[in-house]
C-alpha atoms as a PDB file:
ATOM      1  CA  UNK A   1      10.108 -10.809 -72.433  1.00  0.00           C
ATOM      2  CA  UNK A   2       8.684 -13.557 -74.669  1.00  0.00           C
ATOM      3  CA  UNK A   3      10.411 -15.018 -77.724  1.00  0.00           C
ATOM      4  CA  UNK A   4       8.540 -12.779 -80.193  1.00  0.00           C
ATOM      5  CA  UNK A   5       9.711  -9.688 -78.338  1.00  0.00           C
ATOM      6  CA  UNK A   6      13.272 -10.998 -78.294  1.00  0.00           C
ATOM      7  CA  UNK A   7      13.240 -11.550 -82.069  1.00  0.00           C
ATOM      8  CA  UNK A   8      11.684  -8.133 -82.660  1.00  0.00           C
ATOM      9  CA  UNK A   9      14.350  -6.498 -80.515  1.00  0.00           C
ATOM     10  CA  UNK A  10      17.061  -8.223 -82.534  1.00  0.00           C
ATOM     11  CA  UNK A  11      15.483  -7.198 -85.841  1.00  0.00           C
ATOM     12  CA  UNK A  12      15.184  -3.621 -84.636  1.00  0.00           C
ATOM     13  CA  UNK A  13      18.847  -3.582 -83.643  1.00  0.00           C
ATOM     14  CA  UNK A  14      19.699  -4.604 -87.207  1.00  0.00           C
ATOM     15  CA  UNK A  15      17.501  -1.997 -88.872  1.00  0.00           C
ATOM     16  CA  UNK A  16      18.630   0.823 -86.588  1.00  0.00           C
ATOM     17  CA  UNK A  17      22.346   0.053 -86.790  1.00  0.00           C
ATOM     18  CA  UNK A  18      24.504   3.025 -87.825  1.00  0.00           C
ATOM     19  CA  UNK A  19      28.217   3.670 -88.170  1.00  0.00           C
ATOM     20  CA  UNK A  20      28.240   5.005 -84.609  1.00  0.00           C
ATOM     21  CA  UNK A  21      26.123   2.244 -83.153  1.00  0.00           C
ATOM     22  CA  UNK A  22      27.272  -1.364 -83.467  1.00  0.00           C
ATOM     23  CA  UNK A  23      24.570  -3.908 -84.132  1.00  0.00           C
ATOM     24  CA  UNK A  24      24.076  -6.337 -81.275  1.00  0.00           C
ATOM     25  CA  UNK A  25      25.393  -9.775 -82.097  1.00  0.00           C
ATOM     26  CA  UNK A  26      23.507 -12.924 -81.233  1.00  0.00           C
ATOM     27  CA  UNK A  27      25.677 -13.628 -78.201  1.00  0.00           C
ATOM     28  CA  UNK A  28      25.538 -10.023 -76.987  1.00  0.00           C
ATOM     29  CA  UNK A  29      21.754 -10.024 -77.037  1.00  0.00           C
ATOM     30  CA  UNK A  30      21.490 -13.349 -75.243  1.00  0.00           C
ATOM     31  CA  UNK A  31      23.917 -12.090 -72.609  1.00  0.00           C
ATOM     32  CA  UNK A  32      21.799  -8.976 -72.125  1.00  0.00           C
ATOM     33  CA  UNK A  33      18.849 -11.212 -71.347  1.00  0.00           C
ATOM     34  CA  UNK A  34      20.611 -13.241 -68.676  1.00  0.00           C
ATOM     35  CA  UNK A  35      19.168 -11.018 -65.969  1.00  0.00           C
ATOM     36  CA  UNK A  36      15.662 -11.368 -67.355  1.00  0.00           C
ATOM     37  CA  UNK A  37      13.706 -13.728 -65.098  1.00  0.00           C
ATOM     38  CA  UNK A  38      11.654 -14.856 -68.072  1.00  0.00           C
ATOM     39  CA  UNK A  39      14.767 -16.294 -69.701  1.00  0.00           C
ATOM     40  CA  UNK A  40      14.937 -18.948 -66.978  1.00  0.00           C
ATOM     41  CA  UNK A  41      11.675 -20.363 -68.287  1.00  0.00           C
ATOM     42  CA  UNK A  42      13.128 -21.044 -71.718  1.00  0.00           C
ATOM     43  CA  UNK A  43      14.077 -24.586 -72.399  1.00  0.00           C
ATOM     44  CA  UNK A  44      17.154 -25.428 -74.415  1.00  0.00           C
ATOM     45  CA  UNK A  45      15.061 -25.927 -77.547  1.00  0.00           C
ATOM     46  CA  UNK A  46      13.572 -22.442 -77.275  1.00  0.00           C
ATOM     47  CA  UNK A  47      17.042 -20.896 -77.104  1.00  0.00           C
ATOM     48  CA  UNK A  48      18.029 -23.040 -80.054  1.00  0.00           C
ATOM     49  CA  UNK A  49      15.016 -21.735 -81.974  1.00  0.00           C
ATOM     50  CA  UNK A  50      15.925 -18.149 -81.097  1.00  0.00           C
ATOM     51  CA  UNK A  51      19.447 -18.675 -82.380  1.00  0.00           C
ATOM     52  CA  UNK A  52      18.034 -20.112 -85.601  1.00  0.00           C
ATOM     53  CA  UNK A  53      15.788 -17.084 -86.095  1.00  0.00           C
ATOM     54  CA  UNK A  54      18.661 -14.710 -85.375  1.00  0.00           C
ATOM     55  CA  UNK A  55      20.788 -16.435 -87.996  1.00  0.00           C
ATOM     56  CA  UNK A  56      17.991 -16.099 -90.551  1.00  0.00           C
ATOM     57  CA  UNK A  57      17.798 -12.387 -89.754  1.00  0.00           C
ATOM     58  CA  UNK A  58      21.578 -12.035 -90.079  1.00  0.00           C
ATOM     59  CA  UNK A  59      21.498 -13.825 -93.426  1.00  0.00           C
ATOM     60  CA  UNK A  60      18.667 -11.620 -94.687  1.00  0.00           C
ATOM     61  CA  UNK A  61      20.550  -8.454 -93.746  1.00  0.00           C
ATOM     62  CA  UNK A  62      23.677  -9.794 -95.438  1.00  0.00           C
ATOM     63  CA  UNK A  63      21.865 -10.971 -98.596  1.00  0.00           C
ATOM     64  CA  UNK A  64      19.390  -8.113 -99.022  1.00  0.00           C
ATOM     65  CA  UNK A  65      21.677  -5.286 -97.926  1.00  0.00           C
ATOM     66  CA  UNK A  66      19.908  -1.928 -97.894  1.00  0.00           C
ATOM     67  CA  UNK A  67      16.718  -3.656 -99.094  1.00  0.00           C
ATOM     68  CA  UNK A  68      16.415  -5.652 -95.860  1.00  0.00           C
ATOM     69  CA  UNK A  69      13.158  -4.814 -94.142  1.00  0.00           C
ATOM     70  CA  UNK A  70      11.767  -2.947 -97.152  1.00  0.00           C
ATOM     71  CA  UNK A  71       9.654  -3.609-100.217  1.00  0.00           C
ATOM     72  CA  UNK A  72      11.894  -4.094-103.255  1.00  0.00           C
ATOM     73  CA  UNK A  73      10.281  -2.206-106.126  1.00  0.00           C
ATOM     74  CA  UNK A  74      11.426  -3.381-109.548  1.00  0.00           C
ATOM     75  CA  UNK A  75      10.445  -2.942-113.189  1.00  0.00           C
ATOM     76  CA  UNK A  76      12.477  -5.945-114.335  1.00  0.00           C
ATOM     77  CA  UNK A  77      10.306  -9.045-114.642  1.00  0.00           C
ATOM     78  CA  UNK A  78      13.229 -11.431-115.178  1.00  0.00           C
ATOM     79  CA  UNK A  79      15.065 -10.047-112.161  1.00  0.00           C
ATOM     80  CA  UNK A  80      11.939 -10.540-110.071  1.00  0.00           C
ATOM     81  CA  UNK A  81      11.522 -14.140-111.264  1.00  0.00           C
ATOM     82  CA  UNK A  82      15.172 -14.915-110.501  1.00  0.00           C
ATOM     83  CA  UNK A  83      14.834 -13.415-107.019  1.00  0.00           C
ATOM     84  CA  UNK A  84      11.718 -15.453-106.282  1.00  0.00           C
ATOM     85  CA  UNK A  85      13.374 -18.642-107.535  1.00  0.00           C
ATOM     86  CA  UNK A  86      16.272 -18.177-105.116  1.00  0.00           C
ATOM     87  CA  UNK A  87      14.323 -16.930-102.094  1.00  0.00           C
ATOM     88  CA  UNK A  88      13.161 -19.168 -99.274  1.00  0.00           C
ATOM     89  CA  UNK A  89       9.951 -17.162 -98.888  1.00  0.00           C
ATOM     90  CA  UNK A  90       8.895 -14.339-101.197  1.00  0.00           C
ATOM     91  CA  UNK A  91       5.842 -12.108-101.449  1.00  0.00           C
ATOM     92  CA  UNK A  92       5.181 -10.431-104.806  1.00  0.00           C
ATOM     93  CA  UNK A  93       2.694  -7.592-105.280  1.00  0.00           C
ATOM     94  CA  UNK A  94       1.451  -6.772-108.778  1.00  0.00           C
ATOM     95  CA  UNK A  95       0.160  -3.238-108.615  1.00  0.00           C
ATOM     96  CA  UNK A  96      -0.836  -0.066-110.434  1.00  0.00           C
ATOM     97  CA  UNK A  97       0.452   3.105-108.732  1.00  0.00           C
ATOM     98  CA  UNK A  98      -2.664   5.094-109.638  1.00  0.00           C
ATOM     99  CA  UNK A  99      -4.888   2.704-107.641  1.00  0.00           C
ATOM    100  CA  UNK A 100      -5.341   3.746-104.013  1.00  0.00           C
ATOM    101  CA  UNK A 101      -5.934   0.141-102.955  1.00  0.00           C
ATOM    102  CA  UNK A 102      -2.574  -0.853-104.414  1.00  0.00           C
ATOM    103  CA  UNK A 103      -0.891   1.906-102.437  1.00  0.00           C
ATOM    104  CA  UNK A 104      -2.649   0.633 -99.323  1.00  0.00           C
ATOM    105  CA  UNK A 105      -1.292  -2.855-100.007  1.00  0.00           C
ATOM    106  CA  UNK A 106       2.222  -1.486-100.538  1.00  0.00           C
ATOM    107  CA  UNK A 107       1.986   0.307 -97.190  1.00  0.00           C
ATOM    108  CA  UNK A 108       0.905  -2.908 -95.495  1.00  0.00           C
ATOM    109  CA  UNK A 109       3.636  -4.951 -97.185  1.00  0.00           C
ATOM    110  CA  UNK A 110       6.209  -2.382 -96.085  1.00  0.00           C
ATOM    111  CA  UNK A 111       5.325  -3.198 -92.490  1.00  0.00           C
ATOM    112  CA  UNK A 112       5.345  -6.955 -93.182  1.00  0.00           C
ATOM    113  CA  UNK A 113       8.831  -6.644 -94.689  1.00  0.00           C
ATOM    114  CA  UNK A 114      10.082  -4.675 -91.698  1.00  0.00           C
ATOM    115  CA  UNK A 115       8.705  -7.101 -89.130  1.00  0.00           C
ATOM    116  CA  UNK A 116       9.808 -10.285 -90.943  1.00  0.00           C
ATOM    117  CA  UNK A 117      13.276  -9.659 -92.356  1.00  0.00           C
ATOM    118  CA  UNK A 118      13.846 -13.189 -93.758  1.00  0.00           C
ATOM    119  CA  UNK A 119      10.853 -12.759 -96.100  1.00  0.00           C
ATOM    120  CA  UNK A 120      11.719 -11.105 -99.413  1.00  0.00           C
ATOM    121  CA  UNK A 121       8.938  -8.676-100.349  1.00  0.00           C
ATOM    122  CA  UNK A 122       8.798  -7.387-103.921  1.00  0.00           C
ATOM    123  CA  UNK A 123       6.457  -5.185-105.934  1.00  0.00           C
ATOM    124  CA  UNK A 124       6.196  -4.681-109.676  1.00  0.00           C
ATOM    125  CA  UNK A 125       3.774  -2.676-111.774  1.00  0.00           C
ATOM    126  CA  UNK A 126       1.468  -5.059-113.617  1.00  0.00           C
ATOM    127  CA  UNK A 127       2.353  -3.520-116.976  1.00  0.00           C
ATOM    128  CA  UNK A 128       6.021  -4.363-116.371  1.00  0.00           C
ATOM    129  CA  UNK A 129       5.293  -8.071-115.857  1.00  0.00           C
ATOM    130  CA  UNK A 130       3.296  -9.156-118.943  1.00  0.00           C
ATOM    131  CA  UNK A 131       4.400 -12.796-118.772  1.00  0.00           C
ATOM    132  CA  UNK A 132       3.495 -13.291-115.118  1.00  0.00           C
ATOM    133  CA  UNK A 133       0.277 -11.278-115.402  1.00  0.00           C
ATOM    134  CA  UNK A 134      -0.816 -13.578-118.228  1.00  0.00           C
ATOM    135  CA  UNK A 135       0.373 -16.781-116.530  1.00  0.00           C
ATOM    136  CA  UNK A 136      -1.271 -15.916-113.207  1.00  0.00           C
ATOM    137  CA  UNK A 137      -4.411 -14.569-114.910  1.00  0.00           C
ATOM    138  CA  UNK A 138      -4.230 -11.275-113.035  1.00  0.00           C
ATOM    139  CA  UNK A 139      -7.541  -9.439-113.426  1.00  0.00           C
ATOM    140  CA  UNK A 140      -7.958  -7.506-110.176  1.00  0.00           C
ATOM    141  CA  UNK A 141      -5.421  -5.336-108.405  1.00  0.00           C
ATOM    142  CA  UNK A 142      -3.928  -5.434-105.860  1.00  0.00           C
ATOM    143  CA  UNK A 143      -2.787  -8.988-106.591  1.00  0.00           C
ATOM    144  CA  UNK A 144      -0.321 -10.668-104.229  1.00  0.00           C
ATOM    145  CA  UNK A 145       1.373 -14.028-104.739  1.00  0.00           C
ATOM    146  CA  UNK A 146       3.304 -15.809-101.995  1.00  0.00           C
ATOM    147  CA  UNK A 147       6.090 -18.220-102.899  1.00  0.00           C
ATOM    148  CA  UNK A 148       7.994 -20.810-100.885  1.00  0.00           C
ATOM    149  CA  UNK A 149      11.264 -21.978-102.439  1.00  0.00           C
ATOM    150  CA  UNK A 150      10.118 -20.735-105.830  1.00  0.00           C
ATOM    151  CA  UNK A 151       6.703 -22.384-105.762  1.00  0.00           C
ATOM    152  CA  UNK A 152       3.420 -20.575-105.337  1.00  0.00           C
ATOM    153  CA  UNK A 153       1.732 -21.467-102.064  1.00  0.00           C
ATOM    154  CA  UNK A 154      -1.010 -18.851-101.894  1.00  0.00           C
ATOM    155  CA  UNK A 155      -2.351 -15.630-103.365  1.00  0.00           C
ATOM    156  CA  UNK A 156      -4.371 -12.636-102.229  1.00  0.00           C
ATOM    157  CA  UNK A 157      -6.774 -10.969-104.667  1.00  0.00           C
ATOM    158  CA  UNK A 158      -7.745  -7.521-103.479  1.00  0.00           C
ATOM    159  CA  UNK A 159      -7.780  -7.877 -99.704  1.00  0.00           C
ATOM    160  CA  UNK A 160      -9.548 -11.245 -99.676  1.00  0.00           C
ATOM    161  CA  UNK A 161      -8.430 -13.351 -96.724  1.00  0.00           C
ATOM    162  CA  UNK A 162      -6.755 -10.510 -94.815  1.00  0.00           C
ATOM    163  CA  UNK A 163      -9.742  -8.467 -93.727  1.00  0.00           C
ATOM    164  CA  UNK A 164     -11.650  -8.005 -96.977  1.00  0.00           C
ATOM    165  CA  UNK A 165     -10.919  -4.284 -97.341  1.00  0.00           C
ATOM    166  CA  UNK A 166      -8.228  -1.688 -96.713  1.00  0.00           C
ATOM    167  CA  UNK A 167      -9.810  -0.791 -93.395  1.00  0.00           C
ATOM    168  CA  UNK A 168     -10.075  -4.428 -92.342  1.00  0.00           C
ATOM    169  CA  UNK A 169      -6.536  -5.313 -93.390  1.00  0.00           C
ATOM    170  CA  UNK A 170      -3.778  -5.016 -90.815  1.00  0.00           C
ATOM    171  CA  UNK A 171      -0.386  -6.444 -89.984  1.00  0.00           C
ATOM    172  CA  UNK A 172      -2.142  -8.861 -87.632  1.00  0.00           C
ATOM    173  CA  UNK A 173      -4.542 -10.116 -90.319  1.00  0.00           C
ATOM    174  CA  UNK A 174      -1.698 -10.539 -92.811  1.00  0.00           C
ATOM    175  CA  UNK A 175       0.393 -12.406 -90.241  1.00  0.00           C
ATOM    176  CA  UNK A 176      -2.572 -14.655 -89.442  1.00  0.00           C
ATOM    177  CA  UNK A 177      -2.826 -15.430 -93.169  1.00  0.00           C
ATOM    178  CA  UNK A 178       0.875 -16.336 -93.315  1.00  0.00           C
ATOM    179  CA  UNK A 179       0.824 -18.339 -90.087  1.00  0.00           C
ATOM    180  CA  UNK A 180      -2.156 -20.403 -91.204  1.00  0.00           C
ATOM    181  CA  UNK A 181      -0.073 -21.478 -94.199  1.00  0.00           C
ATOM    182  CA  UNK A 182       3.011 -22.277 -92.140  1.00  0.00           C
ATOM    183  CA  UNK A 183       5.061 -19.405 -93.565  1.00  0.00           C
ATOM    184  CA  UNK A 184       5.804 -17.729 -90.220  1.00  0.00           C
ATOM    185  CA  UNK A 185       5.774 -19.056 -86.660  1.00  0.00           C
ATOM    186  CA  UNK A 186       5.370 -15.851 -84.676  1.00  0.00           C
ATOM    187  CA  UNK A 187       3.273 -12.703 -84.691  1.00  0.00           C
ATOM    188  CA  UNK A 188       4.406  -9.154 -84.015  1.00  0.00           C
ATOM    189  CA  UNK A 189       3.868  -7.599 -80.593  1.00  0.00           C
ATOM    190  CA  UNK A 190       4.897  -4.051 -81.564  1.00  0.00           C
ATOM    191  CA  UNK A 191       3.140  -3.079 -84.803  1.00  0.00           C
ATOM    192  CA  UNK A 192       4.695   0.370 -85.062  1.00  0.00           C
ATOM    193  CA  UNK A 193       7.409   0.957 -87.617  1.00  0.00           C
ATOM    194  CA  UNK A 194      10.955   1.396 -86.392  1.00  0.00           C
ATOM    195  CA  UNK A 195      11.263   4.010 -89.130  1.00  0.00           C
ATOM    196  CA  UNK A 196       9.255   6.436 -87.001  1.00  0.00           C
ATOM    197  CA  UNK A 197       6.018   5.760 -88.859  1.00  0.00           C
ATOM    198  CA  UNK A 198       2.746   5.098 -87.128  1.00  0.00           C
ATOM    199  CA  UNK A 199       1.045   1.746 -87.586  1.00  0.00           C
ATOM    200  CA  UNK A 200      -0.899   1.911 -90.834  1.00  0.00           C
ATOM    201  CA  UNK A 201      -4.399   3.311 -90.644  1.00  0.00           C
ATOM    202  CA  UNK A 202      -5.992   3.017 -94.074  1.00  0.00           C
ATOM    203  CA  UNK A 203      -9.271   4.562 -95.140  1.00  0.00           C
ATOM    204  CA  UNK A 204     -11.734   2.208 -96.773  1.00  0.00           C
ATOM    205  CA  UNK A 205     -12.158   2.554-100.525  1.00  0.00           C
ATOM    206  CA  UNK A 206     -15.134   1.704-102.709  1.00  0.00           C
ATOM    207  CA  UNK A 207     -14.039  -1.653-104.099  1.00  0.00           C
ATOM    208  CA  UNK A 208     -11.464  -3.659-106.053  1.00  0.00           C
ATOM    209  CA  UNK A 209      -9.710  -2.020-108.996  1.00  0.00           C
ATOM    210  CA  UNK A 210      -9.997  -3.967-112.231  1.00  0.00           C
ATOM    211  CA  UNK A 211      -6.847  -4.222-114.291  1.00  0.00           C
END
């Protein structure tokens, strides 16, 4: 079991926790891996890194509550701006619900949110964010902006940079985009949703939707 699989297992234990099923703690999970031969290959720094990632996951679950691992849909522009300002890493999708490409992006971001709990993923209809739409010069939807500690670090217009189209976009292409910019340090090994959904399979549309 490599470190990505360990982190994914821990995240899944958090998302699947119920009143009748206690979430595995950091120490409990590490103890469960003691019989795993692969664990012997980890150096002390790798275990330290795992503990750090687990703590980030714990903090995300504590801070985000029921929104952990999901896209936070809001119609409050100020609330969104405050959330972004206080988040370590945030992804914001400006969308129009009538556009099929925007729905495809929301589906993809739902999987990103589930697989990377410490990242806060938000979505707001473009018409509900007039200030940001004007400031960011949003012309084409979907329009995604990625923030690190309140500062913009990158943006995605349409599906540019993550496959070029709905059909080309995937969790892997989005993770590659984030990793290239130093926003994540691991990729997902199991791309299926823990919420009993199949990995997204999006039909290609005709082109970008102009806003």
